[in-house]
Amino acid sequence: MPVELSNPEDVKIVTLAKATRLRTGSAQGAAVRDLDGRTYAAAPVDLVSLQLSALQLAVAMAVSSGARGLEAAAVSTDSDVAEADLAAVRDLGGPGVDVIAADARGAATAVLHT
């Protein structure tokens, strides 16, 4: 059942996650919004020496850009959001940051709390 998003900024990160997933042809796309309102979008990395989910990479991009925390995160995926992904969001954002799960069409399916 779809979840209604009332915050336009949350709709934006869901759209970014969906667009990244579609552009790269990946099974996932993710986006995060930092405390300054900047957004970071990513797809998964699957190299021999490095494996990161889309959400883990989006968090890493925020950290490497100097983000001090997160307001929200979104992931477009057909599977469950992994605990490791929620932990990455919690590591930077602290407890209580919402992670919006969305399907490939960009419809929000759940809001998970870290």
N, C-alpha and C. Protein backbone atom coordinates (compact mmCIF):
# COMPACT_ATOMS: atom_id res chain seq x y z
N MET A 1 0.84 -1.18 0.00
CA MET A 1 0.00 0.00 0.00
C MET A 1 0.89 1.25 0.00
N PRO A 2 0.66 2.19 -0.89
CA PRO A 2 1.49 3.39 -0.96
C PRO A 2 1.39 4.24 0.31
N VAL A 3 2.48 4.94 0.58
CA VAL A 3 2.55 5.87 1.70
C VAL A 3 2.53 7.27 1.11
N GLU A 4 1.69 8.14 1.66
CA GLU A 4 1.59 9.52 1.17
C GLU A 4 2.70 10.36 1.82
N LEU A 5 3.48 11.04 0.99
CA LEU A 5 4.54 11.93 1.49
C LEU A 5 4.05 13.37 1.41
N SER A 6 4.04 14.05 2.54
CA SER A 6 3.54 15.42 2.57
C SER A 6 4.64 16.46 2.40
N ASN A 7 5.89 16.09 2.68
CA ASN A 7 7.01 17.02 2.57
C ASN A 7 7.56 16.99 1.14
N PRO A 8 7.55 18.12 0.42
CA PRO A 8 8.07 18.14 -0.95
C PRO A 8 9.55 17.76 -1.03
N GLU A 9 10.30 18.04 0.03
CA GLU A 9 11.72 17.66 0.05
C GLU A 9 11.89 16.15 0.13
N ASP A 10 10.96 15.46 0.79
CA ASP A 10 11.00 14.00 0.81
C ASP A 10 10.65 13.43 -0.56
N VAL A 11 9.68 14.05 -1.22
CA VAL A 11 9.33 13.63 -2.58
C VAL A 11 10.54 13.78 -3.49
N LYS A 12 11.30 14.86 -3.29
CA LYS A 12 12.49 15.11 -4.11
C LYS A 12 13.53 14.00 -3.95
N ILE A 13 13.81 13.56 -2.72
CA ILE A 13 14.84 12.53 -2.58
C ILE A 13 14.35 11.17 -3.08
N VAL A 14 13.05 10.92 -2.99
CA VAL A 14 12.51 9.69 -3.58
C VAL A 14 12.68 9.73 -5.10
N THR A 15 12.40 10.88 -5.69
CA THR A 15 12.57 11.05 -7.13
C THR A 15 14.03 10.87 -7.54
N LEU A 16 14.95 11.43 -6.76
CA LEU A 16 16.38 11.26 -7.05
C LEU A 16 16.80 9.79 -6.95
N ALA A 17 16.30 9.09 -5.94
CA ALA A 17 16.63 7.67 -5.78
C ALA A 17 16.12 6.86 -6.97
N LYS A 18 14.88 7.12 -7.37
CA LYS A 18 14.29 6.43 -8.51
C LYS A 18 15.06 6.73 -9.79
N ALA A 19 15.38 8.00 -10.03
CA ALA A 19 16.09 8.40 -11.24
C ALA A 19 17.47 7.77 -11.30
N THR A 20 18.15 7.71 -10.17
CA THR A 20 19.48 7.09 -10.14
C THR A 20 19.39 5.61 -10.46
N ARG A 21 18.40 4.95 -9.89
CA ARG A 21 18.19 3.53 -10.16
C ARG A 21 17.93 3.30 -11.65
N LEU A 22 17.05 4.09 -12.23
CA LEU A 22 16.72 3.92 -13.64
C LEU A 22 17.90 4.26 -14.55
N ARG A 23 18.60 5.36 -14.24
CA ARG A 23 19.73 5.80 -15.07
C ARG A 23 20.84 4.76 -15.12
N THR A 24 21.08 4.10 -13.99
CA THR A 24 22.18 3.14 -13.92
C THR A 24 21.75 1.71 -14.22
N GLY A 25 20.44 1.47 -14.26
CA GLY A 25 19.95 0.11 -14.48
C GLY A 25 20.22 -0.80 -13.30
N SER A 26 20.35 -0.22 -12.12
CA SER A 26 20.67 -0.98 -10.92
C SER A 26 19.40 -1.48 -10.22
N ALA A 27 19.61 -2.39 -9.30
CA ALA A 27 18.50 -2.90 -8.49
C ALA A 27 18.11 -1.93 -7.39
N GLN A 28 18.97 -0.93 -7.15
CA GLN A 28 18.72 0.06 -6.10
C GLN A 28 19.16 1.44 -6.57
N GLY A 29 18.53 2.42 -6.00
CA GLY A 29 18.98 3.81 -6.10
C GLY A 29 18.67 4.44 -4.75
N ALA A 30 19.49 5.37 -4.31
CA ALA A 30 19.25 5.99 -3.01
C ALA A 30 19.60 7.47 -3.06
N ALA A 31 19.04 8.20 -2.12
CA ALA A 31 19.37 9.62 -1.97
C ALA A 31 19.22 9.98 -0.51
N VAL A 32 20.07 10.89 -0.05
CA VAL A 32 19.97 11.42 1.31
C VAL A 32 19.98 12.93 1.25
N ARG A 33 19.41 13.55 2.30
CA ARG A 33 19.42 15.00 2.44
C ARG A 33 20.12 15.34 3.75
N ASP A 34 21.15 16.21 3.66
CA ASP A 34 21.89 16.54 4.87
C ASP A 34 21.23 17.70 5.61
N LEU A 35 21.81 18.10 6.72
CA LEU A 35 21.23 19.14 7.56
C LEU A 35 21.21 20.51 6.90
N ASP A 36 22.04 20.70 5.87
CA ASP A 36 22.05 21.95 5.12
C ASP A 36 21.13 21.92 3.91
N GLY A 37 20.41 20.80 3.71
CA GLY A 37 19.48 20.67 2.59
C GLY A 37 20.12 20.15 1.31
N ARG A 38 21.42 19.84 1.36
CA ARG A 38 22.08 19.28 0.17
C ARG A 38 21.68 17.82 0.01
N THR A 39 21.58 17.38 -1.25
CA THR A 39 21.21 16.00 -1.52
C THR A 39 22.35 15.27 -2.22
N TYR A 40 22.39 13.97 -1.97
CA TYR A 40 23.39 13.09 -2.55
C TYR A 40 22.67 11.85 -3.03
N ALA A 41 22.88 11.47 -4.28
CA ALA A 41 22.22 10.30 -4.85
C ALA A 41 23.28 9.30 -5.29
N ALA A 42 22.95 8.01 -5.17
CA ALA A 42 23.94 6.97 -5.49
C ALA A 42 23.26 5.69 -5.92
N ALA A 43 24.03 4.88 -6.61
CA ALA A 43 23.66 3.52 -6.98
C ALA A 43 24.66 2.58 -6.28
N PRO A 44 24.36 1.29 -6.23
CA PRO A 44 25.28 0.38 -5.55
C PRO A 44 26.62 0.26 -6.28
N VAL A 45 27.64 -0.09 -5.51
CA VAL A 45 28.97 -0.39 -6.05
C VAL A 45 29.23 -1.87 -5.80
N ASP A 46 29.57 -2.59 -6.85
CA ASP A 46 29.85 -4.02 -6.71
C ASP A 46 31.14 -4.35 -7.45
N LEU A 47 32.25 -4.04 -6.80
CA LEU A 47 33.58 -4.35 -7.32
C LEU A 47 34.16 -5.52 -6.55
N VAL A 48 35.18 -6.12 -7.07
CA VAL A 48 35.82 -7.22 -6.36
C VAL A 48 36.29 -6.74 -4.98
N SER A 49 36.85 -5.55 -4.93
CA SER A 49 37.44 -5.06 -3.68
C SER A 49 36.52 -4.16 -2.86
N LEU A 50 35.35 -3.82 -3.37
CA LEU A 50 34.49 -2.89 -2.67
C LEU A 50 33.02 -3.15 -3.01
N GLN A 51 32.21 -3.38 -1.98
CA GLN A 51 30.78 -3.55 -2.17
C GLN A 51 30.06 -2.59 -1.23
N LEU A 52 29.22 -1.73 -1.81
CA LEU A 52 28.41 -0.79 -1.03
C LEU A 52 27.01 -0.77 -1.62
N SER A 53 26.03 -0.74 -0.76
CA SER A 53 24.66 -0.56 -1.24
C SER A 53 24.50 0.89 -1.69
N ALA A 54 23.42 1.16 -2.37
CA ALA A 54 23.16 2.53 -2.82
C ALA A 54 23.05 3.49 -1.63
N LEU A 55 22.36 3.05 -0.58
CA LEU A 55 22.18 3.93 0.58
C LEU A 55 23.49 4.13 1.33
N GLN A 56 24.29 3.10 1.46
CA GLN A 56 25.60 3.25 2.11
C GLN A 56 26.47 4.23 1.34
N LEU A 57 26.44 4.16 0.02
CA LEU A 57 27.25 5.08 -0.78
C LEU A 57 26.73 6.51 -0.69
N ALA A 58 25.43 6.69 -0.69
CA ALA A 58 24.87 8.05 -0.56
C ALA A 58 25.29 8.66 0.78
N VAL A 59 25.27 7.86 1.85
CA VAL A 59 25.72 8.34 3.15
C VAL A 59 27.22 8.68 3.09
N ALA A 60 28.00 7.81 2.48
CA ALA A 60 29.45 8.06 2.36
C ALA A 60 29.73 9.33 1.57
N MET A 61 28.95 9.59 0.52
CA MET A 61 29.13 10.81 -0.26
C MET A 61 28.84 12.04 0.59
N ALA A 62 27.80 11.96 1.42
CA ALA A 62 27.47 13.07 2.31
C ALA A 62 28.61 13.31 3.31
N VAL A 63 29.11 12.24 3.89
CA VAL A 63 30.22 12.35 4.85
C VAL A 63 31.44 12.97 4.19
N SER A 64 31.77 12.49 3.00
CA SER A 64 32.98 12.99 2.33
C SER A 64 32.83 14.42 1.84
N SER A 65 31.60 14.92 1.81
CA SER A 65 31.34 16.32 1.45
C SER A 65 31.22 17.23 2.66
N GLY A 66 31.41 16.65 3.84
CA GLY A 66 31.41 17.45 5.06
C GLY A 66 30.08 17.55 5.78
N ALA A 67 29.11 16.72 5.41
CA ALA A 67 27.81 16.76 6.09
C ALA A 67 27.99 16.43 7.57
N ARG A 68 27.27 17.16 8.41
CA ARG A 68 27.33 16.94 9.86
C ARG A 68 26.19 16.08 10.36
N GLY A 69 25.23 15.79 9.49
CA GLY A 69 24.10 14.97 9.86
C GLY A 69 23.14 14.82 8.70
N LEU A 70 22.08 14.06 8.90
CA LEU A 70 21.08 13.82 7.86
C LEU A 70 19.70 14.19 8.36
N GLU A 71 18.88 14.70 7.45
CA GLU A 71 17.47 14.95 7.74
C GLU A 71 16.61 13.77 7.33
N ALA A 72 16.93 13.16 6.17
CA ALA A 72 16.10 12.07 5.64
C ALA A 72 16.88 11.30 4.60
N ALA A 73 16.37 10.12 4.30
CA ALA A 73 16.99 9.26 3.28
C ALA A 73 15.88 8.54 2.53
N ALA A 74 16.18 8.12 1.30
CA ALA A 74 15.23 7.35 0.51
C ALA A 74 15.99 6.29 -0.27
N VAL A 75 15.34 5.16 -0.46
CA VAL A 75 15.93 4.09 -1.27
C VAL A 75 14.83 3.50 -2.15
N SER A 76 15.15 3.38 -3.43
CA SER A 76 14.26 2.74 -4.39
C SER A 76 14.77 1.32 -4.59
N THR A 77 13.97 0.34 -4.18
CA THR A 77 14.39 -1.05 -4.25
C THR A 77 13.17 -1.95 -4.25
N ASP A 78 13.34 -3.15 -4.77
CA ASP A 78 12.25 -4.12 -4.74
C ASP A 78 12.40 -5.09 -3.57
N SER A 79 13.46 -4.93 -2.78
CA SER A 79 13.67 -5.81 -1.63
C SER A 79 13.62 -5.00 -0.34
N ASP A 80 13.73 -5.68 0.76
CA ASP A 80 13.72 -5.02 2.06
C ASP A 80 14.97 -4.16 2.22
N VAL A 81 14.87 -3.09 2.97
CA VAL A 81 16.02 -2.24 3.29
C VAL A 81 16.82 -2.97 4.36
N ALA A 82 18.10 -3.19 4.08
CA ALA A 82 18.97 -3.95 4.98
C ALA A 82 19.26 -3.18 6.26
N GLU A 83 19.46 -3.91 7.33
CA GLU A 83 19.82 -3.29 8.61
C GLU A 83 21.13 -2.51 8.48
N ALA A 84 22.06 -2.99 7.66
CA ALA A 84 23.33 -2.28 7.46
C ALA A 84 23.10 -0.90 6.84
N ASP A 85 22.09 -0.79 5.99
CA ASP A 85 21.74 0.50 5.39
C ASP A 85 21.17 1.45 6.45
N LEU A 86 20.27 0.92 7.27
CA LEU A 86 19.71 1.73 8.34
C LEU A 86 20.79 2.16 9.33
N ALA A 87 21.75 1.27 9.59
CA ALA A 87 22.85 1.59 10.50
C ALA A 87 23.71 2.72 9.94
N ALA A 88 23.94 2.73 8.63
CA ALA A 88 24.74 3.80 8.02
C ALA A 88 24.04 5.15 8.18
N VAL A 89 22.73 5.16 7.97
CA VAL A 89 21.96 6.40 8.14
C VAL A 89 22.02 6.84 9.60
N ARG A 90 21.86 5.90 10.51
CA ARG A 90 21.89 6.19 11.94
C ARG A 90 23.28 6.70 12.37
N ASP A 91 24.34 6.15 11.79
CA ASP A 91 25.70 6.58 12.13
C ASP A 91 25.91 8.06 11.87
N LEU A 92 25.40 8.56 10.75
CA LEU A 92 25.57 9.97 10.42
C LEU A 92 24.44 10.83 10.96
N GLY A 93 23.22 10.33 10.90
CA GLY A 93 22.06 11.14 11.25
C GLY A 93 21.59 11.01 12.67
N GLY A 94 22.04 9.97 13.36
CA GLY A 94 21.54 9.71 14.69
C GLY A 94 20.21 8.99 14.63
N PRO A 95 19.67 8.63 15.79
CA PRO A 95 18.38 7.93 15.79
C PRO A 95 17.25 8.87 15.38
N GLY A 96 16.25 8.29 14.74
CA GLY A 96 15.07 9.06 14.39
C GLY A 96 15.03 9.62 12.98
N VAL A 97 16.06 9.39 12.17
CA VAL A 97 16.03 9.84 10.79
C VAL A 97 15.16 8.88 9.98
N ASP A 98 14.20 9.41 9.25
CA ASP A 98 13.33 8.58 8.43
C ASP A 98 14.05 8.10 7.17
N VAL A 99 13.84 6.82 6.85
CA VAL A 99 14.30 6.24 5.59
C VAL A 99 13.05 5.84 4.83
N ILE A 100 12.84 6.47 3.69
CA ILE A 100 11.66 6.20 2.88
C ILE A 100 12.00 5.10 1.88
N ALA A 101 11.28 4.01 1.95
CA ALA A 101 11.44 2.93 0.97
C ALA A 101 10.44 3.18 -0.15
N ALA A 102 10.90 3.01 -1.39
CA ALA A 102 10.04 3.23 -2.55
C ALA A 102 10.26 2.13 -3.57
N ASP A 103 9.27 1.91 -4.40
CA ASP A 103 9.41 0.90 -5.45
C ASP A 103 10.04 1.52 -6.70
N ALA A 104 10.16 0.73 -7.75
CA ALA A 104 10.82 1.18 -8.97
C ALA A 104 10.08 2.33 -9.65
N ARG A 105 8.78 2.47 -9.38
CA ARG A 105 8.00 3.56 -9.97
C ARG A 105 8.12 4.85 -9.17
N GLY A 106 8.76 4.75 -7.99
CA GLY A 106 8.91 5.93 -7.15
C GLY A 106 7.79 6.10 -6.15
N ALA A 107 6.93 5.10 -6.00
CA ALA A 107 5.86 5.16 -5.00
C ALA A 107 6.43 4.76 -3.66
N ALA A 108 6.28 5.61 -2.65
CA ALA A 108 6.75 5.28 -1.31
C ALA A 108 5.92 4.13 -0.76
N THR A 109 6.61 3.11 -0.25
CA THR A 109 5.93 1.92 0.27
C THR A 109 6.03 1.81 1.79
N ALA A 110 7.00 2.49 2.39
CA ALA A 110 7.17 2.45 3.84
C ALA A 110 8.06 3.60 4.28
N VAL A 111 7.90 4.01 5.53
CA VAL A 111 8.81 4.95 6.15
C VAL A 111 9.39 4.24 7.36
N LEU A 112 10.69 4.00 7.31
CA LEU A 112 11.38 3.28 8.38
C LEU A 112 12.09 4.29 9.26
N HIS A 113 12.08 4.05 10.56
CA HIS A 113 12.71 4.97 11.51
C HIS A 113 14.00 4.33 12.01
N THR A 114 15.07 5.11 12.01
CA THR A 114 16.35 4.57 12.45
C THR A 114 16.49 4.62 13.95
